[in-house]
């Protein structure tokens, strides 16, 4: 009787299957690495842009809340920050301008009587700068209600 060996008929098939499995796992690992790397870069970009946005918002809030700006601007424009006030916070900063637009009636819904009050309208334009040269610009209009003379 002849006995056949099981390994005699396979002729290296296990090695070929192992190499194919190794290749497939390598491709899968490369795809996962690329995907996670792009997610990390996206999150970093989001953080950087948010820092410049927050800097611009700080500048807008400063410009809206400082009455000295609106007294100093008159009928022209004025750079912010005013009086050496720094808006810097870490790696981000903000700067901009406040420009007089016009004088008119108080805004609708303000509850101010147009026979007794008037409004000075200003354009506030602020640019926030963040890390990696990121920039965000915000422009708003502000109405300062004052009694009529």
Protein backbone atom coordinates (compact mmCIF):
# COMPACT_ATOMS: atom_id res chain seq x y z
CA UNK A 1 0.00 0.00 0.00
CA UNK A 2 1.09 3.41 -0.87
CA UNK A 3 0.64 6.22 1.57
CA UNK A 4 0.21 9.70 0.20
CA UNK A 5 1.40 12.60 2.19
CA UNK A 6 -0.98 15.48 2.54
CA UNK A 7 1.71 18.11 2.11
CA UNK A 8 2.99 16.56 -1.08
CA UNK A 9 0.05 17.75 -3.20
CA UNK A 10 -0.18 21.35 -1.96
CA UNK A 11 3.15 22.59 -3.34
CA UNK A 12 3.45 25.86 -1.33
CA UNK A 13 -0.22 26.87 -1.39
CA UNK A 14 -0.15 27.88 2.30
CA UNK A 15 2.71 30.29 1.57
CA UNK A 16 0.80 31.92 -1.30
CA UNK A 17 -2.34 32.33 0.83
CA UNK A 18 -0.29 33.80 3.68
CA UNK A 19 1.37 36.32 1.32
CA UNK A 20 -2.00 37.37 -0.15
CA UNK A 21 -3.43 37.84 3.36
CA UNK A 22 -0.36 39.86 4.36
CA UNK A 23 -0.74 42.07 1.26
CA UNK A 24 -4.45 42.67 1.94
CA UNK A 25 -3.77 43.57 5.58
CA UNK A 26 -1.03 46.00 4.50
CA UNK A 27 -3.39 47.72 2.05
CA UNK A 28 -6.10 47.93 4.72
CA UNK A 29 -3.60 49.38 7.22
CA UNK A 30 -2.49 52.00 4.69
CA UNK A 31 -6.09 53.06 4.03
CA UNK A 32 -6.81 53.38 7.76
CA UNK A 33 -3.62 55.42 8.28
CA UNK A 34 -4.43 57.80 5.41
CA UNK A 35 -7.99 58.27 6.62
CA UNK A 36 -6.98 59.00 10.21
CA UNK A 37 -4.24 61.38 9.06
CA UNK A 38 -6.70 63.43 6.99
CA UNK A 39 -9.08 63.56 9.98
CA UNK A 40 -6.27 64.91 12.17
CA UNK A 41 -5.41 67.59 9.59
CA UNK A 42 -9.07 68.57 9.31
CA UNK A 43 -9.39 68.93 13.07
CA UNK A 44 -6.21 71.03 13.19
CA UNK A 45 -7.52 73.32 10.41
CA UNK A 46 -10.83 73.70 12.28
CA UNK A 47 -9.00 74.69 15.47
CA UNK A 48 -6.76 77.21 13.68
CA UNK A 49 -9.69 78.86 11.89
CA UNK A 50 -11.67 79.02 15.13
CA UNK A 51 -8.81 80.85 16.84
CA UNK A 52 -8.79 83.56 14.17
CA UNK A 53 -12.61 83.75 14.33
CA UNK A 54 -12.52 84.16 18.12
CA UNK A 55 -9.88 86.89 17.75
CA UNK A 56 -12.10 88.74 15.27
CA UNK A 57 -15.10 88.37 17.59
CA UNK A 58 -13.03 89.80 20.48
CA UNK A 59 -12.22 92.81 18.31
CA UNK A 60 -15.88 93.30 17.41
CA UNK A 61 -16.98 93.10 21.05
CA UNK A 62 -14.26 95.56 22.02
CA UNK A 63 -15.38 97.96 19.29
CA UNK A 64 -19.06 97.64 20.19
CA UNK A 65 -18.53 98.18 23.91
CA UNK A 66 -15.99 101.03 24.02
CA UNK A 67 -17.86 104.38 23.91
CA UNK A 68 -14.57 106.27 23.47
CA UNK A 69 -14.32 104.86 19.94
CA UNK A 70 -17.61 106.42 18.86
CA UNK A 71 -16.79 109.76 20.45
CA UNK A 72 -13.36 109.85 18.76
CA UNK A 73 -14.44 108.71 15.29
CA UNK A 74 -16.60 111.79 14.55
CA UNK A 75 -17.58 111.60 10.89
CA UNK A 76 -14.45 109.77 9.74
CA UNK A 77 -12.92 106.44 10.59
CA UNK A 78 -10.68 105.17 13.37
CA UNK A 79 -8.35 102.20 13.73
CA UNK A 80 -8.92 99.72 16.55
CA UNK A 81 -7.59 98.89 19.07
CA UNK A 82 -7.64 102.42 20.51
CA UNK A 83 -5.39 103.85 23.18
CA UNK A 84 -2.86 101.04 23.23
CA UNK A 85 -5.38 98.38 24.26
CA UNK A 86 -4.13 95.03 23.04
CA UNK A 87 -6.60 92.41 21.91
CA UNK A 88 -3.88 89.80 21.80
CA UNK A 89 -4.52 86.39 23.30
CA UNK A 90 -1.84 83.79 22.80
CA UNK A 91 -1.07 83.33 19.13
CA UNK A 92 -4.05 85.36 17.86
CA UNK A 93 -4.77 89.07 17.59
CA UNK A 94 -7.34 91.40 16.02
CA UNK A 95 -7.33 94.80 14.40
CA UNK A 96 -9.73 96.79 12.30
CA UNK A 97 -11.57 100.04 11.73
CA UNK A 98 -14.72 101.81 12.84
CA UNK A 99 -16.17 104.08 10.16
CA UNK A 100 -18.97 106.62 10.51
CA UNK A 101 -21.73 105.96 7.97
CA UNK A 102 -24.61 108.33 8.63
CA UNK A 103 -27.07 109.86 11.08
CA UNK A 104 -30.71 108.88 10.99
CA UNK A 105 -33.74 107.63 12.87
CA UNK A 106 -33.25 104.96 15.56
CA UNK A 107 -33.44 101.38 14.29
CA UNK A 108 -36.90 99.84 14.08
CA UNK A 109 -37.76 97.82 17.12
CA UNK A 110 -35.33 99.71 19.36
CA UNK A 111 -38.20 101.26 21.34
CA UNK A 112 -36.78 104.76 20.89
CA UNK A 113 -39.05 107.62 19.81
CA UNK A 114 -37.77 109.17 16.58
CA UNK A 115 -38.92 112.62 17.73
CA UNK A 116 -36.65 112.50 20.78
CA UNK A 117 -33.75 110.27 19.67
CA UNK A 118 -31.55 109.76 16.65
CA UNK A 119 -28.91 107.19 15.78
CA UNK A 120 -25.38 107.42 14.49
CA UNK A 121 -24.59 104.45 12.27
CA UNK A 122 -21.10 102.95 12.08
CA UNK A 123 -19.47 100.11 10.14
CA UNK A 124 -17.11 97.98 12.25
CA UNK A 125 -14.68 95.90 10.22
CA UNK A 126 -12.35 93.60 12.19
CA UNK A 127 -9.78 91.07 11.00
CA UNK A 128 -8.71 88.32 13.36
CA UNK A 129 -5.32 86.69 12.89
CA UNK A 130 -4.56 83.25 14.23
CA UNK A 131 -1.76 80.71 14.07
CA UNK A 132 -0.41 79.49 10.73
CA UNK A 133 -1.38 82.81 9.08
CA UNK A 134 -5.11 82.12 9.40
CA UNK A 135 -7.34 85.17 8.93
CA UNK A 136 -11.04 85.80 9.53
CA UNK A 137 -12.80 89.05 8.73
CA UNK A 138 -16.06 90.20 10.32
CA UNK A 139 -18.02 93.30 9.35
CA UNK A 140 -21.01 94.54 11.33
CA UNK A 141 -23.08 97.70 11.50
CA UNK A 142 -23.61 99.41 14.84
CA UNK A 143 -26.22 102.03 15.70
CA UNK A 144 -25.48 104.32 18.66
CA UNK A 145 -28.74 105.93 19.83
CA UNK A 146 -28.36 109.44 21.24
CA UNK A 147 -30.86 112.15 22.31
CA UNK A 148 -31.63 114.78 19.69
CA UNK A 149 -30.06 118.16 20.37
